[in-house]
Amino acid sequence: MDDDLFEQTEDESGRLRLHTMCPAGHPTIQARTSVEWQNGLRAQSLTFECLWCGDTWTPSAAQCAMILDDVEG
């Protein structure tokens, strides 16, 4: 994945601002992570929010893996 597609900053609330496209084609989105406990197991979720139109969506498992690889790596 191109590094310039996932240039990011993180604020104190755990939000990442990523430079990529929302489904409507807007150029910048914000990612929010949350951690929940389900049946004694830790579950982390990732939600995207477009900073232009306010649309929110959950990325696919493949998109999550690419983002986590890019952020961690």
PDB file of N, CA and C in Angstrom:
ATOM      1  N   MET A   1       0.843  -1.178   0.000  1.00  0.00           N
ATOM      2  CA  MET A   1       0.000   0.000   0.000  1.00  0.00           C
ATOM      3  C   MET A   1       0.886   1.237   0.000  1.00  0.00           C
ATOM      4  N   ASP A   2       0.508   2.250  -0.745  1.00  0.00           N
ATOM      5  CA  ASP A   2       1.301   3.476  -0.810  1.00  0.00           C
ATOM      6  C   ASP A   2       1.288   4.184   0.531  1.00  0.00           C
ATOM      7  N   ASP A   3       2.476   4.597   0.992  1.00  0.00           N
ATOM      8  CA  ASP A   3       2.560   5.285   2.273  1.00  0.00           C
ATOM      9  C   ASP A   3       1.767   6.584   2.284  1.00  0.00           C
ATOM     10  N   ASP A   4       1.709   7.283   1.154  1.00  0.00           N
ATOM     11  CA  ASP A   4       1.002   8.565   1.140  1.00  0.00           C
ATOM     12  C   ASP A   4      -0.510   8.403   1.267  1.00  0.00           C
ATOM     13  N   LEU A   5      -1.037   7.199   1.034  1.00  0.00           N
ATOM     14  CA  LEU A   5      -2.475   6.982   1.188  1.00  0.00           C
ATOM     15  C   LEU A   5      -2.876   6.894   2.649  1.00  0.00           C
ATOM     16  N   PHE A   6      -1.933   6.537   3.507  1.00  0.00           N
ATOM     17  CA  PHE A   6      -2.257   6.362   4.902  1.00  0.00           C
ATOM     18  C   PHE A   6      -1.381   7.196   5.808  1.00  0.00           C
ATOM     19  N   GLU A   7      -1.140   8.422   5.417  1.00  0.00           N
ATOM     20  CA  GLU A   7      -0.472   9.362   6.303  1.00  0.00           C
ATOM     21  C   GLU A   7      -1.457   9.643   7.433  1.00  0.00           C
ATOM     22  N   GLN A   8      -1.001   9.579   8.679  1.00  0.00           N
ATOM     23  CA  GLN A   8      -1.950   9.689   9.768  1.00  0.00           C
ATOM     24  C   GLN A   8      -1.437  10.516  10.928  1.00  0.00           C
ATOM     25  N   THR A   9      -2.390  10.972  11.724  1.00  0.00           N
ATOM     26  CA  THR A   9      -2.104  11.589  13.017  1.00  0.00           C
ATOM     27  C   THR A   9      -3.079  10.966  13.998  1.00  0.00           C
ATOM     28  N   GLU A  10      -2.702  10.904  15.260  1.00  0.00           N
ATOM     29  CA  GLU A  10      -3.589  10.333  16.272  1.00  0.00           C
ATOM     30  C   GLU A  10      -3.763  11.346  17.384  1.00  0.00           C
ATOM     31  N   ASP A  11      -5.017  11.562  17.799  1.00  0.00           N
ATOM     32  CA  ASP A  11      -5.259  12.475  18.911  1.00  0.00           C
ATOM     33  C   ASP A  11      -5.458  11.673  20.192  1.00  0.00           C
ATOM     34  N   GLU A  12      -5.682  12.365  21.296  1.00  0.00           N
ATOM     35  CA  GLU A  12      -5.774  11.693  22.595  1.00  0.00           C
ATOM     36  C   GLU A  12      -6.981  10.769  22.729  1.00  0.00           C
ATOM     37  N   SER A  13      -7.967  10.880  21.851  1.00  0.00           N
ATOM     38  CA  SER A  13      -9.135   9.993  21.921  1.00  0.00           C
ATOM     39  C   SER A  13      -8.933   8.708  21.117  1.00  0.00           C
ATOM     40  N   GLY A  14      -7.764   8.531  20.532  1.00  0.00           N
ATOM     41  CA  GLY A  14      -7.493   7.315  19.771  1.00  0.00           C
ATOM     42  C   GLY A  14      -7.980   7.377  18.343  1.00  0.00           C
ATOM     43  N   ARG A  15      -8.255   8.574  17.839  1.00  0.00           N
ATOM     44  CA  ARG A  15      -8.723   8.706  16.461  1.00  0.00           C
ATOM     45  C   ARG A  15      -7.540   8.920  15.541  1.00  0.00           C
ATOM     46  N   LEU A  16      -7.543   8.211  14.434  1.00  0.00           N
ATOM     47  CA  LEU A  16      -6.531   8.388  13.413  1.00  0.00           C
ATOM     48  C   LEU A  16      -7.152   9.166  12.265  1.00  0.00           C
ATOM     49  N   ARG A  17      -6.428  10.114  11.758  1.00  0.00           N
ATOM     50  CA  ARG A  17      -6.887  10.814  10.570  1.00  0.00           C
ATOM     51  C   ARG A  17      -6.074  10.281   9.396  1.00  0.00           C
ATOM     52  N   LEU A  18      -6.739   9.623   8.479  1.00  0.00           N
ATOM     53  CA  LEU A  18      -6.079   8.977   7.359  1.00  0.00           C
ATOM     54  C   LEU A  18      -6.394   9.715   6.072  1.00  0.00           C
ATOM     55  N   HIS A  19      -5.403   9.798   5.209  1.00  0.00           N
ATOM     56  CA  HIS A  19      -5.608  10.449   3.924  1.00  0.00           C
ATOM     57  C   HIS A  19      -5.877   9.374   2.883  1.00  0.00           C
ATOM     58  N   THR A  20      -7.145   9.096   2.690  1.00  0.00           N
ATOM     59  CA  THR A  20      -7.598   8.095   1.733  1.00  0.00           C
ATOM     60  C   THR A  20      -9.000   8.496   1.289  1.00  0.00           C
ATOM     61  N   MET A  21      -9.739   7.626   0.629  1.00  0.00           N
ATOM     62  CA  MET A  21     -11.043   7.984   0.075  1.00  0.00           C
ATOM     63  C   MET A  21     -12.196   7.303   0.807  1.00  0.00           C
ATOM     64  N   CYS A  22     -13.297   8.049   0.987  1.00  0.00           N
ATOM     65  CA  CYS A  22     -14.524   7.446   1.489  1.00  0.00           C
ATOM     66  C   CYS A  22     -15.279   6.861   0.285  1.00  0.00           C
ATOM     67  N   PRO A  23     -16.347   6.084   0.514  1.00  0.00           N
ATOM     68  CA  PRO A  23     -17.096   5.511  -0.618  1.00  0.00           C
ATOM     69  C   PRO A  23     -17.624   6.551  -1.605  1.00  0.00           C
ATOM     70  N   ALA A  24     -17.876   7.778  -1.139  1.00  0.00           N
ATOM     71  CA  ALA A  24     -18.365   8.823  -2.031  1.00  0.00           C
ATOM     72  C   ALA A  24     -17.224   9.532  -2.771  1.00  0.00           C
ATOM     73  N   GLY A  25     -15.977   9.163  -2.456  1.00  0.00           N
ATOM     74  CA  GLY A  25     -14.837   9.733  -3.160  1.00  0.00           C
ATOM     75  C   GLY A  25     -14.215  10.940  -2.495  1.00  0.00           C
ATOM     76  N   HIS A  26     -14.609  11.259  -1.269  1.00  0.00           N
ATOM     77  CA  HIS A  26     -13.993  12.381  -0.563  1.00  0.00           C
ATOM     78  C   HIS A  26     -12.606  11.983  -0.085  1.00  0.00           C
ATOM     79  N   PRO A  27     -11.665  12.930  -0.009  1.00  0.00           N
ATOM     80  CA  PRO A  27     -10.261  12.580   0.173  1.00  0.00           C
ATOM     81  C   PRO A  27      -9.768  12.283   1.581  1.00  0.00           C
ATOM     82  N   THR A  28     -10.457  12.639   2.644  1.00  0.00           N
ATOM     83  CA  THR A  28      -9.910  12.433   3.982  1.00  0.00           C
ATOM     84  C   THR A  28     -10.950  11.791   4.880  1.00  0.00           C
ATOM     85  N   ILE A  29     -10.526  10.782   5.620  1.00  0.00           N
ATOM     86  CA  ILE A  29     -11.415  10.123   6.561  1.00  0.00           C
ATOM     87  C   ILE A  29     -10.771  10.099   7.932  1.00  0.00           C
ATOM     88  N   GLN A  30     -11.568   9.797   8.919  1.00  0.00           N
ATOM     89  CA  GLN A  30     -11.095   9.655  10.290  1.00  0.00           C
ATOM     90  C   GLN A  30     -11.435   8.234  10.726  1.00  0.00           C
ATOM     91  N   ALA A  31     -10.505   7.575  11.375  1.00  0.00           N
ATOM     92  CA  ALA A  31     -10.742   6.218  11.855  1.00  0.00           C
ATOM     93  C   ALA A  31     -10.841   6.241  13.368  1.00  0.00           C
ATOM     94  N   ARG A  32     -11.822   5.520  13.876  1.00  0.00           N
ATOM     95  CA  ARG A  32     -11.990   5.404  15.327  1.00  0.00           C
ATOM     96  C   ARG A  32     -11.878   3.941  15.711  1.00  0.00           C
ATOM     97  N   THR A  33     -11.087   3.680  16.725  1.00  0.00           N
ATOM     98  CA  THR A  33     -10.992   2.319  17.230  1.00  0.00           C
ATOM     99  C   THR A  33     -11.715   2.250  18.569  1.00  0.00           C
ATOM    100  N   SER A  34     -12.292   1.111  18.838  1.00  0.00           N
ATOM    101  CA  SER A  34     -12.904   0.894  20.144  1.00  0.00           C
ATOM    102  C   SER A  34     -12.622  -0.527  20.575  1.00  0.00           C
ATOM    103  N   VAL A  35     -12.523  -0.720  21.865  1.00  0.00           N
ATOM    104  CA  VAL A  35     -12.255  -2.040  22.431  1.00  0.00           C
ATOM    105  C   VAL A  35     -13.421  -2.407  23.328  1.00  0.00           C
ATOM    106  N   GLU A  36     -13.953  -3.584  23.126  1.00  0.00           N
ATOM    107  CA  GLU A  36     -15.058  -4.084  23.941  1.00  0.00           C
ATOM    108  C   GLU A  36     -14.723  -5.495  24.402  1.00  0.00           C
ATOM    109  N   TRP A  37     -15.360  -5.902  25.489  1.00  0.00           N
ATOM    110  CA  TRP A  37     -15.215  -7.273  25.976  1.00  0.00           C
ATOM    111  C   TRP A  37     -16.483  -8.021  25.634  1.00  0.00           C
ATOM    112  N   GLN A  38     -16.346  -9.126  24.909  1.00  0.00           N
ATOM    113  CA  GLN A  38     -17.493  -9.937  24.533  1.00  0.00           C
ATOM    114  C   GLN A  38     -17.220 -11.372  24.945  1.00  0.00           C
ATOM    115  N   ASN A  39     -18.048 -11.886  25.842  1.00  0.00           N
ATOM    116  CA  ASN A  39     -17.898 -13.262  26.342  1.00  0.00           C
ATOM    117  C   ASN A  39     -16.495 -13.514  26.885  1.00  0.00           C
ATOM    118  N   GLY A  40     -15.946 -12.536  27.577  1.00  0.00           N
ATOM    119  CA  GLY A  40     -14.623 -12.682  28.171  1.00  0.00           C
ATOM    120  C   GLY A  40     -13.468 -12.468  27.215  1.00  0.00           C
ATOM    121  N   LEU A  41     -13.759 -12.140  25.958  1.00  0.00           N
ATOM    122  CA  LEU A  41     -12.718 -11.922  24.964  1.00  0.00           C
ATOM    123  C   LEU A  41     -12.665 -10.450  24.566  1.00  0.00           C
ATOM    124  N   ARG A  42     -11.478  -9.982  24.317  1.00  0.00           N
ATOM    125  CA  ARG A  42     -11.287  -8.588  23.901  1.00  0.00           C
ATOM    126  C   ARG A  42     -11.554  -8.478  22.406  1.00  0.00           C
ATOM    127  N   ALA A  43     -12.436  -7.567  22.024  1.00  0.00           N
ATOM    128  CA  ALA A  43     -12.764  -7.349  20.617  1.00  0.00           C
ATOM    129  C   ALA A  43     -12.483  -5.883  20.280  1.00  0.00           C
ATOM    130  N   GLN A  44     -11.676  -5.673  19.269  1.00  0.00           N
ATOM    131  CA  GLN A  44     -11.362  -4.315  18.839  1.00  0.00           C
ATOM    132  C   GLN A  44     -12.052  -4.066  17.505  1.00  0.00           C
ATOM    133  N   SER A  45     -12.697  -2.918  17.385  1.00  0.00           N
ATOM    134  CA  SER A  45     -13.369  -2.597  16.129  1.00  0.00           C
ATOM    135  C   SER A  45     -12.822  -1.297  15.562  1.00  0.00           C
ATOM    136  N   LEU A  46     -12.988  -1.149  14.281  1.00  0.00           N
ATOM    137  CA  LEU A  46     -12.508   0.021  13.567  1.00  0.00           C
ATOM    138  C   LEU A  46     -13.666   0.589  12.756  1.00  0.00           C
ATOM    139  N   THR A  47     -13.933   1.867  12.915  1.00  0.00           N
ATOM    140  CA  THR A  47     -14.991   2.542  12.172  1.00  0.00           C
ATOM    141  C   THR A  47     -14.389   3.742  11.463  1.00  0.00           C
ATOM    142  N   PHE A  48     -14.782   3.948  10.215  1.00  0.00           N
ATOM    143  CA  PHE A  48     -14.343   5.106   9.443  1.00  0.00           C
ATOM    144  C   PHE A  48     -15.436   6.162   9.438  1.00  0.00           C
ATOM    145  N   GLU A  49     -15.035   7.423   9.446  1.00  0.00           N
ATOM    146  CA  GLU A  49     -15.971   8.539   9.313  1.00  0.00           C
ATOM    147  C   GLU A  49     -15.379   9.529   8.323  1.00  0.00           C
ATOM    148  N   CYS A  50     -16.163   9.922   7.323  1.00  0.00           N
ATOM    149  CA  CYS A  50     -15.704  10.900   6.353  1.00  0.00           C
ATOM    150  C   CYS A  50     -15.789  12.292   6.966  1.00  0.00           C
ATOM    151  N   LEU A  51     -14.704  13.048   6.865  1.00  0.00           N
ATOM    152  CA  LEU A  51     -14.685  14.404   7.410  1.00  0.00           C
ATOM    153  C   LEU A  51     -15.435  15.395   6.519  1.00  0.00           C
ATOM    154  N   TRP A  52     -15.780  14.983   5.303  1.00  0.00           N
ATOM    155  CA  TRP A  52     -16.505  15.859   4.380  1.00  0.00           C
ATOM    156  C   TRP A  52     -18.008  15.690   4.507  1.00  0.00           C
ATOM    157  N   CYS A  53     -18.482  14.435   4.388  1.00  0.00           N
ATOM    158  CA  CYS A  53     -19.937  14.212   4.341  1.00  0.00           C
ATOM    159  C   CYS A  53     -20.493  13.615   5.632  1.00  0.00           C
ATOM    160  N   GLY A  54     -19.620  13.173   6.551  1.00  0.00           N
ATOM    161  CA  GLY A  54     -20.088  12.617   7.818  1.00  0.00           C
ATOM    162  C   GLY A  54     -20.517  11.163   7.746  1.00  0.00           C
ATOM    163  N   ASP A  55     -20.419  10.546   6.572  1.00  0.00           N
ATOM    164  CA  ASP A  55     -20.796   9.150   6.413  1.00  0.00           C
ATOM    165  C   ASP A  55     -19.873   8.270   7.262  1.00  0.00           C
ATOM    166  N   THR A  56     -20.410   7.224   7.867  1.00  0.00           N
ATOM    167  CA  THR A  56     -19.598   6.282   8.635  1.00  0.00           C
ATOM    168  C   THR A  56     -19.779   4.884   8.059  1.00  0.00           C
ATOM    169  N   TRP A  57     -18.735   4.078   8.151  1.00  0.00           N
ATOM    170  CA  TRP A  57     -18.801   2.701   7.680  1.00  0.00           C
ATOM    171  C   TRP A  57     -17.703   1.896   8.344  1.00  0.00           C
ATOM    172  N   THR A  58     -17.869   0.590   8.316  1.00  0.00           N
ATOM    173  CA  THR A  58     -16.883  -0.329   8.855  1.00  0.00           C
ATOM    174  C   THR A  58     -16.107  -0.912   7.685  1.00  0.00           C
ATOM    175  N   PRO A  59     -14.797  -0.791   7.713  1.00  0.00           N
ATOM    176  CA  PRO A  59     -14.003  -1.325   6.603  1.00  0.00           C
ATOM    177  C   PRO A  59     -14.026  -2.856   6.597  1.00  0.00           C
ATOM    178  N   SER A  60     -13.722  -3.423   5.458  1.00  0.00           N
ATOM    179  CA  SER A  60     -13.651  -4.879   5.346  1.00  0.00           C
ATOM    180  C   SER A  60     -12.456  -5.401   6.137  1.00  0.00           C
ATOM    181  N   ALA A  61     -12.428  -6.696   6.371  1.00  0.00           N
ATOM    182  CA  ALA A  61     -11.315  -7.305   7.096  1.00  0.00           C
ATOM    183  C   ALA A  61      -9.993  -7.057   6.367  1.00  0.00           C
ATOM    184  N   ALA A  62     -10.014  -7.109   5.029  1.00  0.00           N
ATOM    185  CA  ALA A  62      -8.792  -6.872   4.256  1.00  0.00           C
ATOM    186  C   ALA A  62      -8.318  -5.427   4.421  1.00  0.00           C
ATOM    187  N   GLN A  63      -9.255  -4.458   4.408  1.00  0.00           N
ATOM    188  CA  GLN A  63      -8.882  -3.056   4.618  1.00  0.00           C
ATOM    189  C   GLN A  63      -8.310  -2.851   6.017  1.00  0.00           C
ATOM    190  N   CYS A  64      -8.915  -3.472   7.024  1.00  0.00           N
ATOM    191  CA  CYS A  64      -8.410  -3.366   8.400  1.00  0.00           C
ATOM    192  C   CYS A  64      -6.989  -3.890   8.485  1.00  0.00           C
ATOM    193  N   ALA A  65      -6.731  -5.047   7.868  1.00  0.00           N
ATOM    194  CA  ALA A  65      -5.397  -5.637   7.907  1.00  0.00           C
ATOM    195  C   ALA A  65      -4.376  -4.722   7.250  1.00  0.00           C
ATOM    196  N   MET A  66      -4.736  -4.123   6.104  1.00  0.00           N
ATOM    197  CA  MET A  66      -3.814  -3.216   5.420  1.00  0.00           C
ATOM    198  C   MET A  66      -3.531  -1.985   6.274  1.00  0.00           C
ATOM    199  N   ILE A  67      -4.552  -1.450   6.898  1.00  0.00           N
ATOM    200  CA  ILE A  67      -4.391  -0.252   7.727  1.00  0.00           C
ATOM    201  C   ILE A  67      -3.526  -0.566   8.940  1.00  0.00           C
ATOM    202  N   LEU A  68      -3.820  -1.677   9.615  1.00  0.00           N
ATOM    203  CA  LEU A  68      -3.042  -2.034  10.794  1.00  0.00           C
ATOM    204  C   LEU A  68      -1.586  -2.311  10.428  1.00  0.00           C
ATOM    205  N   ASP A  69      -1.341  -2.967   9.292  1.00  0.00           N
ATOM    206  CA  ASP A  69       0.035  -3.193   8.843  1.00  0.00           C
ATOM    207  C   ASP A  69       0.747  -1.875   8.600  1.00  0.00           C
ATOM    208  N   ASP A  70       0.042  -0.924   7.986  1.00  0.00           N
ATOM    209  CA  ASP A  70       0.636   0.373   7.664  1.00  0.00           C
ATOM    210  C   ASP A  70       0.893   1.188   8.928  1.00  0.00           C
ATOM    211  N   VAL A  71      -0.056   1.188   9.853  1.00  0.00           N
ATOM    212  CA  VAL A  71       0.069   1.975  11.081  1.00  0.00           C
ATOM    213  C   VAL A  71       1.164   1.398  11.977  1.00  0.00           C
ATOM    214  N   GLU A  72       1.212   0.071  12.084  1.00  0.00           N
ATOM    215  CA  GLU A  72       2.188  -0.571  12.964  1.00  0.00           C
ATOM    216  C   GLU A  72       3.569  -0.656  12.345  1.00  0.00           C
ATOM    217  N   GLY A  73       3.604  -0.578  11.004  1.00  0.00           N
ATOM    218  CA  GLY A  73       4.798  -0.910  10.389  1.00  0.00           C
ATOM    219  C   GLY A  73       5.785  -0.122   9.808  1.00  0.00           C
TER     220      GLY A  73
END
